[in-house]
Amino acid sequence: MEVWIMIIAMFALMYFLMIRPENKRKKEAQNMRDSLAVGDEITTIGGITGTICAVKENTIVIESGADRVRVELTKWAVSTKNAQGAEPATK
């Protein structure tokens, strides 16, 4: 009987320390990607930074660099949404 209680307690602890926080992070990332709008500054998972100039159902078009190169990316490739007007750090 005590063994079953320990096994159940171990699974409950694993759920609250590992699974639940990961699901919360995934939900926050999905909400951020769903709220992308034209004019937002973003950084992709590959490190590309740019300004969103078009939003489609599953993709976005960003404008990056001084020569204003436009690139179409899937929404899942967006890592972070930067604060408006914040410049990325340069070395």
PDB file of N, CA and C in Angstrom:
ATOM      1  N   MET A   1       0.825  -1.199   0.000  1.00  0.00           N
ATOM      2  CA  MET A   1       0.000   0.000   0.000  1.00  0.00           C
ATOM      3  C   MET A   1       0.866   1.258   0.000  1.00  0.00           C
ATOM      4  N   GLU A   2       1.917   1.267   0.804  1.00  0.00           N
ATOM      5  CA  GLU A   2       2.787   2.438   0.879  1.00  0.00           C
ATOM      6  C   GLU A   2       3.534   2.669  -0.426  1.00  0.00           C
ATOM      7  N   VAL A   3       3.818   1.584  -1.135  1.00  0.00           N
ATOM      8  CA  VAL A   3       4.520   1.695  -2.413  1.00  0.00           C
ATOM      9  C   VAL A   3       3.646   2.429  -3.428  1.00  0.00           C
ATOM     10  N   TRP A   4       2.354   2.119  -3.458  1.00  0.00           N
ATOM     11  CA  TRP A   4       1.441   2.776  -4.394  1.00  0.00           C
ATOM     12  C   TRP A   4       1.316   4.262  -4.090  1.00  0.00           C
ATOM     13  N   ILE A   5       1.294   4.603  -2.829  1.00  0.00           N
ATOM     14  CA  ILE A   5       1.210   6.020  -2.445  1.00  0.00           C
ATOM     15  C   ILE A   5       2.465   6.756  -2.907  1.00  0.00           C
ATOM     16  N   MET A   6       3.625   6.137  -2.755  1.00  0.00           N
ATOM     17  CA  MET A   6       4.875   6.762  -3.194  1.00  0.00           C
ATOM     18  C   MET A   6       4.914   6.919  -4.718  1.00  0.00           C
ATOM     19  N   ILE A   7       4.427   5.926  -5.451  1.00  0.00           N
ATOM     20  CA  ILE A   7       4.409   6.005  -6.917  1.00  0.00           C
ATOM     21  C   ILE A   7       3.470   7.119  -7.367  1.00  0.00           C
ATOM     22  N   ILE A   8       2.305   7.201  -6.777  1.00  0.00           N
ATOM     23  CA  ILE A   8       1.349   8.250  -7.128  1.00  0.00           C
ATOM     24  C   ILE A   8       1.915   9.622  -6.777  1.00  0.00           C
ATOM     25  N   ALA A   9       2.551   9.742  -5.628  1.00  0.00           N
ATOM     26  CA  ALA A   9       3.157  11.012  -5.231  1.00  0.00           C
ATOM     27  C   ALA A   9       4.275  11.408  -6.190  1.00  0.00           C
ATOM     28  N   MET A  10       5.048  10.440  -6.653  1.00  0.00           N
ATOM     29  CA  MET A  10       6.133  10.716  -7.590  1.00  0.00           C
ATOM     30  C   MET A  10       5.587  11.215  -8.929  1.00  0.00           C
ATOM     31  N   PHE A  11       4.514  10.601  -9.431  1.00  0.00           N
ATOM     32  CA  PHE A  11       3.906  11.064 -10.675  1.00  0.00           C
ATOM     33  C   PHE A  11       3.294  12.459 -10.515  1.00  0.00           C
ATOM     34  N   ALA A  12       2.665  12.717  -9.372  1.00  0.00           N
ATOM     35  CA  ALA A  12       2.099  14.050  -9.126  1.00  0.00           C
ATOM     36  C   ALA A  12       3.201  15.099  -9.079  1.00  0.00           C
ATOM     37  N   LEU A  13       4.291  14.786  -8.420  1.00  0.00           N
ATOM     38  CA  LEU A  13       5.419  15.719  -8.342  1.00  0.00           C
ATOM     39  C   LEU A  13       6.009  15.962  -9.724  1.00  0.00           C
ATOM     40  N   MET A  14       6.161  14.915 -10.527  1.00  0.00           N
ATOM     41  CA  MET A  14       6.686  15.064 -11.877  1.00  0.00           C
ATOM     42  C   MET A  14       5.756  15.934 -12.725  1.00  0.00           C
ATOM     43  N   TYR A  15       4.445  15.774 -12.563  1.00  0.00           N
ATOM     44  CA  TYR A  15       3.485  16.577 -13.311  1.00  0.00           C
ATOM     45  C   TYR A  15       3.632  18.052 -12.964  1.00  0.00           C
ATOM     46  N   PHE A  16       3.677  18.382 -11.679  1.00  0.00           N
ATOM     47  CA  PHE A  16       3.721  19.787 -11.270  1.00  0.00           C
ATOM     48  C   PHE A  16       5.083  20.439 -11.496  1.00  0.00           C
ATOM     49  N   LEU A  17       6.160  19.665 -11.550  1.00  0.00           N
ATOM     50  CA  LEU A  17       7.484  20.249 -11.740  1.00  0.00           C
ATOM     51  C   LEU A  17       7.958  20.234 -13.190  1.00  0.00           C
ATOM     52  N   MET A  18       7.422  19.343 -14.025  1.00  0.00           N
ATOM     53  CA  MET A  18       7.940  19.227 -15.391  1.00  0.00           C
ATOM     54  C   MET A  18       6.881  19.426 -16.465  1.00  0.00           C
ATOM     55  N   ILE A  19       5.806  18.713 -16.405  1.00  0.00           N
ATOM     56  CA  ILE A  19       4.827  18.721 -17.490  1.00  0.00           C
ATOM     57  C   ILE A  19       3.997  20.001 -17.510  1.00  0.00           C
ATOM     58  N   ARG A  20       3.486  20.414 -16.394  1.00  0.00           N
ATOM     59  CA  ARG A  20       2.625  21.599 -16.336  1.00  0.00           C
ATOM     60  C   ARG A  20       3.350  22.876 -16.756  1.00  0.00           C
ATOM     61  N   PRO A  21       4.568  23.157 -16.267  1.00  0.00           N
ATOM     62  CA  PRO A  21       5.270  24.364 -16.729  1.00  0.00           C
ATOM     63  C   PRO A  21       5.566  24.350 -18.236  1.00  0.00           C
ATOM     64  N   GLU A  22       5.883  23.188 -18.781  1.00  0.00           N
ATOM     65  CA  GLU A  22       6.156  23.096 -20.222  1.00  0.00           C
ATOM     66  C   GLU A  22       4.902  23.399 -21.034  1.00  0.00           C
ATOM     67  N   ASN A  23       3.760  22.870 -20.605  1.00  0.00           N
ATOM     68  CA  ASN A  23       2.503  23.163 -21.297  1.00  0.00           C
ATOM     69  C   ASN A  23       2.171  24.645 -21.210  1.00  0.00           C
ATOM     70  N   LYS A  24       2.466  25.266 -20.074  1.00  0.00           N
ATOM     71  CA  LYS A  24       2.210  26.699 -19.905  1.00  0.00           C
ATOM     72  C   LYS A  24       3.092  27.516 -20.859  1.00  0.00           C
ATOM     73  N   ARG A  25       4.375  27.146 -20.991  1.00  0.00           N
ATOM     74  CA  ARG A  25       5.274  27.851 -21.915  1.00  0.00           C
ATOM     75  C   ARG A  25       4.801  27.710 -23.360  1.00  0.00           C
ATOM     76  N   LYS A  26       4.351  26.513 -23.732  1.00  0.00           N
ATOM     77  CA  LYS A  26       3.853  26.297 -25.087  1.00  0.00           C
ATOM     78  C   LYS A  26       2.619  27.146 -25.369  1.00  0.00           C
ATOM     79  N   LYS A  27       1.720  27.232 -24.404  1.00  0.00           N
ATOM     80  CA  LYS A  27       0.508  28.022 -24.574  1.00  0.00           C
ATOM     81  C   LYS A  27       0.839  29.511 -24.703  1.00  0.00           C
ATOM     82  N   GLU A  28       1.793  30.016 -23.898  1.00  0.00           N
ATOM     83  CA  GLU A  28       2.199  31.414 -23.992  1.00  0.00           C
ATOM     84  C   GLU A  28       2.844  31.715 -25.342  1.00  0.00           C
ATOM     85  N   ALA A  29       3.672  30.806 -25.840  1.00  0.00           N
ATOM     86  CA  ALA A  29       4.310  30.997 -27.140  1.00  0.00           C
ATOM     87  C   ALA A  29       3.266  31.014 -28.254  1.00  0.00           C
ATOM     88  N   GLN A  30       2.279  30.127 -28.178  1.00  0.00           N
ATOM     89  CA  GLN A  30       1.231  30.096 -29.195  1.00  0.00           C
ATOM     90  C   GLN A  30       0.396  31.366 -29.153  1.00  0.00           C
ATOM     91  N   ASN A  31       0.083  31.866 -27.957  1.00  0.00           N
ATOM     92  CA  ASN A  31      -0.671  33.117 -27.845  1.00  0.00           C
ATOM     93  C   ASN A  31       0.114  34.283 -28.430  1.00  0.00           C
ATOM     94  N   MET A  32       1.447  34.306 -28.194  1.00  0.00           N
ATOM     95  CA  MET A  32       2.284  35.360 -28.751  1.00  0.00           C
ATOM     96  C   MET A  32       2.267  35.288 -30.274  1.00  0.00           C
ATOM     97  N   ARG A  33       2.380  34.086 -30.840  1.00  0.00           N
ATOM     98  CA  ARG A  33       2.383  33.944 -32.300  1.00  0.00           C
ATOM     99  C   ARG A  33       1.034  34.297 -32.903  1.00  0.00           C
ATOM    100  N   ASP A  34      -0.059  34.005 -32.192  1.00  0.00           N
ATOM    101  CA  ASP A  34      -1.388  34.351 -32.690  1.00  0.00           C
ATOM    102  C   ASP A  34      -1.650  35.855 -32.637  1.00  0.00           C
ATOM    103  N   SER A  35      -0.933  36.576 -31.771  1.00  0.00           N
ATOM    104  CA  SER A  35      -1.174  38.011 -31.620  1.00  0.00           C
ATOM    105  C   SER A  35      -0.222  38.874 -32.440  1.00  0.00           C
ATOM    106  N   LEU A  36       0.553  38.264 -33.336  1.00  0.00           N
ATOM    107  CA  LEU A  36       1.470  39.050 -34.166  1.00  0.00           C
ATOM    108  C   LEU A  36       0.690  39.978 -35.080  1.00  0.00           C
ATOM    109  N   ALA A  37       1.194  41.204 -35.231  1.00  0.00           N
ATOM    110  CA  ALA A  37       0.523  42.203 -36.056  1.00  0.00           C
ATOM    111  C   ALA A  37       1.560  42.966 -36.869  1.00  0.00           C
ATOM    112  N   VAL A  38       1.094  43.621 -37.901  1.00  0.00           N
ATOM    113  CA  VAL A  38       1.967  44.430 -38.744  1.00  0.00           C
ATOM    114  C   VAL A  38       2.622  45.511 -37.892  1.00  0.00           C
ATOM    115  N   GLY A  39       3.931  45.669 -38.059  1.00  0.00           N
ATOM    116  CA  GLY A  39       4.682  46.672 -37.318  1.00  0.00           C
ATOM    117  C   GLY A  39       5.416  46.121 -36.110  1.00  0.00           C
ATOM    118  N   ASP A  40       5.121  44.896 -35.704  1.00  0.00           N
ATOM    119  CA  ASP A  40       5.808  44.307 -34.553  1.00  0.00           C
ATOM    120  C   ASP A  40       7.246  43.956 -34.921  1.00  0.00           C
ATOM    121  N   GLU A  41       8.157  44.198 -33.990  1.00  0.00           N
ATOM    122  CA  GLU A  41       9.548  43.793 -34.150  1.00  0.00           C
ATOM    123  C   GLU A  41       9.667  42.372 -33.589  1.00  0.00           C
ATOM    124  N   ILE A  42      10.246  41.462 -34.380  1.00  0.00           N
ATOM    125  CA  ILE A  42      10.355  40.066 -33.958  1.00  0.00           C
ATOM    126  C   ILE A  42      11.774  39.552 -34.146  1.00  0.00           C
ATOM    127  N   THR A  43      12.054  38.454 -33.455  1.00  0.00           N
ATOM    128  CA  THR A  43      13.289  37.698 -33.655  1.00  0.00           C
ATOM    129  C   THR A  43      12.884  36.260 -33.930  1.00  0.00           C
ATOM    130  N   THR A  44      13.483  35.664 -34.960  1.00  0.00           N
ATOM    131  CA  THR A  44      13.147  34.290 -35.310  1.00  0.00           C
ATOM    132  C   THR A  44      14.021  33.324 -34.523  1.00  0.00           C
ATOM    133  N   ILE A  45      13.693  32.034 -34.603  1.00  0.00           N
ATOM    134  CA  ILE A  45      14.499  31.030 -33.914  1.00  0.00           C
ATOM    135  C   ILE A  45      15.879  30.902 -34.531  1.00  0.00           C
ATOM    136  N   GLY A  46      16.049  31.413 -35.749  1.00  0.00           N
ATOM    137  CA  GLY A  46      17.348  31.409 -36.407  1.00  0.00           C
ATOM    138  C   GLY A  46      18.158  32.662 -36.126  1.00  0.00           C
ATOM    139  N   GLY A  47      17.585  33.622 -35.387  1.00  0.00           N
ATOM    140  CA  GLY A  47      18.296  34.836 -35.021  1.00  0.00           C
ATOM    141  C   GLY A  47      18.062  36.005 -35.946  1.00  0.00           C
ATOM    142  N   ILE A  48      17.188  35.876 -36.930  1.00  0.00           N
ATOM    143  CA  ILE A  48      16.890  36.985 -37.840  1.00  0.00           C
ATOM    144  C   ILE A  48      15.936  37.941 -37.138  1.00  0.00           C
ATOM    145  N   THR A  49      16.245  39.223 -37.179  1.00  0.00           N
ATOM    146  CA  THR A  49      15.357  40.227 -36.604  1.00  0.00           C
ATOM    147  C   THR A  49      14.755  41.048 -37.732  1.00  0.00           C
ATOM    148  N   GLY A  50      13.554  41.525 -37.510  1.00  0.00           N
ATOM    149  CA  GLY A  50      12.905  42.329 -38.531  1.00  0.00           C
ATOM    150  C   GLY A  50      11.557  42.829 -38.060  1.00  0.00           C
ATOM    151  N   THR A  51      10.931  43.599 -38.942  1.00  0.00           N
ATOM    152  CA  THR A  51       9.617  44.172 -38.679  1.00  0.00           C
ATOM    153  C   THR A  51       8.596  43.459 -39.554  1.00  0.00           C
ATOM    154  N   ILE A  52       7.480  43.093 -38.963  1.00  0.00           N
ATOM    155  CA  ILE A  52       6.428  42.405 -39.712  1.00  0.00           C
ATOM    156  C   ILE A  52       5.756  43.406 -40.644  1.00  0.00           C
ATOM    157  N   CYS A  53       5.648  43.037 -41.934  1.00  0.00           N
ATOM    158  CA  CYS A  53       4.965  43.915 -42.878  1.00  0.00           C
ATOM    159  C   CYS A  53       3.714  43.260 -43.477  1.00  0.00           C
ATOM    160  N   ALA A  54       3.490  41.971 -43.229  1.00  0.00           N
ATOM    161  CA  ALA A  54       2.266  41.294 -43.656  1.00  0.00           C
ATOM    162  C   ALA A  54       2.048  40.070 -42.776  1.00  0.00           C
ATOM    163  N   VAL A  55       0.788  39.832 -42.423  1.00  0.00           N
ATOM    164  CA  VAL A  55       0.424  38.666 -41.612  1.00  0.00           C
ATOM    165  C   VAL A  55      -0.622  37.866 -42.378  1.00  0.00           C
ATOM    166  N   LYS A  56      -0.335  36.584 -42.574  1.00  0.00           N
ATOM    167  CA  LYS A  56      -1.274  35.673 -43.223  1.00  0.00           C
ATOM    168  C   LYS A  56      -1.689  34.634 -42.198  1.00  0.00           C
ATOM    169  N   GLU A  57      -2.469  33.648 -42.618  1.00  0.00           N
ATOM    170  CA  GLU A  57      -2.984  32.660 -41.677  1.00  0.00           C
ATOM    171  C   GLU A  57      -1.870  31.878 -40.984  1.00  0.00           C
ATOM    172  N   ASN A  58      -0.946  31.324 -41.746  1.00  0.00           N
ATOM    173  CA  ASN A  58       0.127  30.510 -41.170  1.00  0.00           C
ATOM    174  C   ASN A  58       1.512  31.098 -41.361  1.00  0.00           C
ATOM    175  N   THR A  59       1.615  32.201 -42.080  1.00  0.00           N
ATOM    176  CA  THR A  59       2.914  32.797 -42.364  1.00  0.00           C
ATOM    177  C   THR A  59       2.902  34.288 -42.082  1.00  0.00           C
ATOM    178  N   ILE A  60       4.112  34.842 -41.990  1.00  0.00           N
ATOM    179  CA  ILE A  60       4.286  36.292 -41.870  1.00  0.00           C
ATOM    180  C   ILE A  60       5.368  36.699 -42.853  1.00  0.00           C
ATOM    181  N   VAL A  61       5.362  37.968 -43.250  1.00  0.00           N
ATOM    182  CA  VAL A  61       6.418  38.527 -44.086  1.00  0.00           C
ATOM    183  C   VAL A  61       7.108  39.581 -43.249  1.00  0.00           C
ATOM    184  N   ILE A  62       8.442  39.432 -43.100  1.00  0.00           N
ATOM    185  CA  ILE A  62       9.188  40.418 -42.326  1.00  0.00           C
ATOM    186  C   ILE A  62      10.132  41.181 -43.247  1.00  0.00           C
ATOM    187  N   GLU A  63      10.438  42.393 -42.833  1.00  0.00           N
ATOM    188  CA  GLU A  63      11.379  43.250 -43.529  1.00  0.00           C
ATOM    189  C   GLU A  63      12.594  43.378 -42.633  1.00  0.00           C
ATOM    190  N   SER A  64      13.760  43.046 -43.167  1.00  0.00           N
ATOM    191  CA  SER A  64      14.949  42.988 -42.334  1.00  0.00           C
ATOM    192  C   SER A  64      16.106  43.695 -43.018  1.00  0.00           C
ATOM    193  N   GLY A  65      16.951  44.338 -42.236  1.00  0.00           N
ATOM    194  CA  GLY A  65      18.172  44.942 -42.744  1.00  0.00           C
ATOM    195  C   GLY A  65      17.979  46.316 -43.339  1.00  0.00           C
ATOM    196  N   ALA A  66      19.105  46.966 -43.589  1.00  0.00           N
ATOM    197  CA  ALA A  66      19.094  48.319 -44.132  1.00  0.00           C
ATOM    198  C   ALA A  66      18.597  48.337 -45.572  1.00  0.00           C
ATOM    199  N   ASP A  67      18.811  47.245 -46.315  1.00  0.00           N
ATOM    200  CA  ASP A  67      18.357  47.205 -47.702  1.00  0.00           C
ATOM    201  C   ASP A  67      16.918  46.716 -47.828  1.00  0.00           C
ATOM    202  N   ARG A  68      16.243  46.557 -46.714  1.00  0.00           N
ATOM    203  CA  ARG A  68      14.810  46.244 -46.638  1.00  0.00           C
ATOM    204  C   ARG A  68      14.449  44.949 -47.365  1.00  0.00           C
ATOM    205  N   VAL A  69      15.196  43.901 -47.074  1.00  0.00           N
ATOM    206  CA  VAL A  69      14.926  42.583 -47.644  1.00  0.00           C
ATOM    207  C   VAL A  69      13.664  42.027 -47.003  1.00  0.00           C
ATOM    208  N   ARG A  70      12.770  41.484 -47.806  1.00  0.00           N
ATOM    209  CA  ARG A  70      11.542  40.881 -47.284  1.00  0.00           C
ATOM    210  C   ARG A  70      11.647  39.367 -47.357  1.00  0.00           C
ATOM    211  N   VAL A  71      11.268  38.708 -46.256  1.00  0.00           N
ATOM    212  CA  VAL A  71      11.345  37.256 -46.155  1.00  0.00           C
ATOM    213  C   VAL A  71      10.016  36.751 -45.610  1.00  0.00           C
ATOM    214  N   GLU A  72       9.487  35.682 -46.220  1.00  0.00           N
ATOM    215  CA  GLU A  72       8.263  35.062 -45.720  1.00  0.00           C
ATOM    216  C   GLU A  72       8.641  33.889 -44.831  1.00  0.00           C
ATOM    217  N   LEU A  73       8.082  33.856 -43.631  1.00  0.00           N
ATOM    218  CA  LEU A  73       8.383  32.822 -42.643  1.00  0.00           C
ATOM    219  C   LEU A  73       7.086  32.228 -42.103  1.00  0.00           C
ATOM    220  N   THR A  74       7.166  30.987 -41.627  1.00  0.00           N
ATOM    221  CA  THR A  74       6.012  30.430 -40.927  1.00  0.00           C
ATOM    222  C   THR A  74       5.955  31.031 -39.528  1.00  0.00           C
ATOM    223  N   LYS A  75       4.775  31.100 -38.963  1.00  0.00           N
ATOM    224  CA  LYS A  75       4.615  31.720 -37.642  1.00  0.00           C
ATOM    225  C   LYS A  75       5.357  30.965 -36.550  1.00  0.00           C
ATOM    226  N   TRP A  76       5.493  29.647 -36.683  1.00  0.00           N
ATOM    227  CA  TRP A  76       6.161  28.884 -35.622  1.00  0.00           C
ATOM    228  C   TRP A  76       7.640  29.213 -35.549  1.00  0.00           C
ATOM    229  N   ALA A  77       8.206  29.888 -36.570  1.00  0.00           N
ATOM    230  CA  ALA A  77       9.618  30.246 -36.565  1.00  0.00           C
ATOM    231  C   ALA A  77       9.904  31.498 -35.729  1.00  0.00           C
ATOM    232  N   VAL A  78       8.870  32.162 -35.232  1.00  0.00           N
ATOM    233  CA  VAL A  78       9.061  33.360 -34.420  1.00  0.00           C
ATOM    234  C   VAL A  78       9.416  32.949 -33.001  1.00  0.00           C
ATOM    235  N   SER A  79      10.525  33.484 -32.513  1.00  0.00           N
ATOM    236  CA  SER A  79      10.995  33.161 -31.173  1.00  0.00           C
ATOM    237  C   SER A  79      10.465  34.156 -30.152  1.00  0.00           C
ATOM    238  N   THR A  80      10.682  35.441 -30.414  1.00  0.00           N
ATOM    239  CA  THR A  80      10.241  36.479 -29.477  1.00  0.00           C
ATOM    240  C   THR A  80       9.690  37.672 -30.225  1.00  0.00           C
ATOM    241  N   LYS A  81       8.816  38.385 -29.534  1.00  0.00           N
ATOM    242  CA  LYS A  81       8.314  39.658 -30.038  1.00  0.00           C
ATOM    243  C   LYS A  81       8.983  40.733 -29.204  1.00  0.00           C
ATOM    244  N   ASN A  82       9.770  41.586 -29.847  1.00  0.00           N
ATOM    245  CA  ASN A  82      10.529  42.612 -29.140  1.00  0.00           C
ATOM    246  C   ASN A  82       9.651  43.821 -28.847  1.00  0.00           C
ATOM    247  N   ALA A  83      10.087  44.617 -27.874  1.00  0.00           N
ATOM    248  CA  ALA A  83       9.366  45.844 -27.530  1.00  0.00           C
ATOM    249  C   ALA A  83       9.421  46.807 -28.706  1.00  0.00           C
ATOM    250  N   GLN A  84       8.385  47.591 -28.892  1.00  0.00           N
ATOM    251  CA  GLN A  84       8.339  48.559 -29.986  1.00  0.00           C
ATOM    252  C   GLN A  84       9.461  49.572 -29.818  1.00  0.00           C
ATOM    253  N   GLY A  85      10.189  49.826 -30.882  1.00  0.00           N
ATOM    254  CA  GLY A  85      11.238  50.831 -30.864  1.00  0.00           C
ATOM    255  C   GLY A  85      12.539  50.364 -30.251  1.00  0.00           C
ATOM    256  N   ALA A  86      12.586  49.156 -29.727  1.00  0.00           N
ATOM    257  CA  ALA A  86      13.812  48.660 -29.110  1.00  0.00           C
ATOM    258  C   ALA A  86      14.742  48.160 -30.208  1.00  0.00           C
ATOM    259  N   GLU A  87      15.953  48.606 -30.176  1.00  0.00           N
ATOM    260  CA  GLU A  87      16.946  48.185 -31.153  1.00  0.00           C
ATOM    261  C   GLU A  87      17.683  46.959 -30.638  1.00  0.00           C
ATOM    262  N   PRO A  88      17.939  45.962 -31.471  1.00  0.00           N
ATOM    263  CA  PRO A  88      18.706  44.809 -31.010  1.00  0.00           C
ATOM    264  C   PRO A  88      20.138  45.214 -30.688  1.00  0.00           C
ATOM    265  N   ALA A  89      20.724  44.541 -29.713  1.00  0.00           N
ATOM    266  CA  ALA A  89      22.075  44.853 -29.292  1.00  0.00           C
ATOM    267  C   ALA A  89      23.058  44.484 -30.390  1.00  0.00           C
ATOM    268  N   THR A  90      24.008  45.380 -30.661  1.00  0.00           N
ATOM    269  CA  THR A  90      25.030  45.109 -31.668  1.00  0.00           C
ATOM    270  C   THR A  90      26.389  45.185 -31.029  1.00  0.00           C
ATOM    271  N   LYS A  91      27.342  44.456 -31.586  1.00  0.00           N
ATOM    272  CA  LYS A  91      28.695  44.444 -31.039  1.00  0.00           C
ATOM    273  C   LYS A  91      29.583  45.404 -31.787  1.00  0.00           C
TER     274      LYS A  91
END
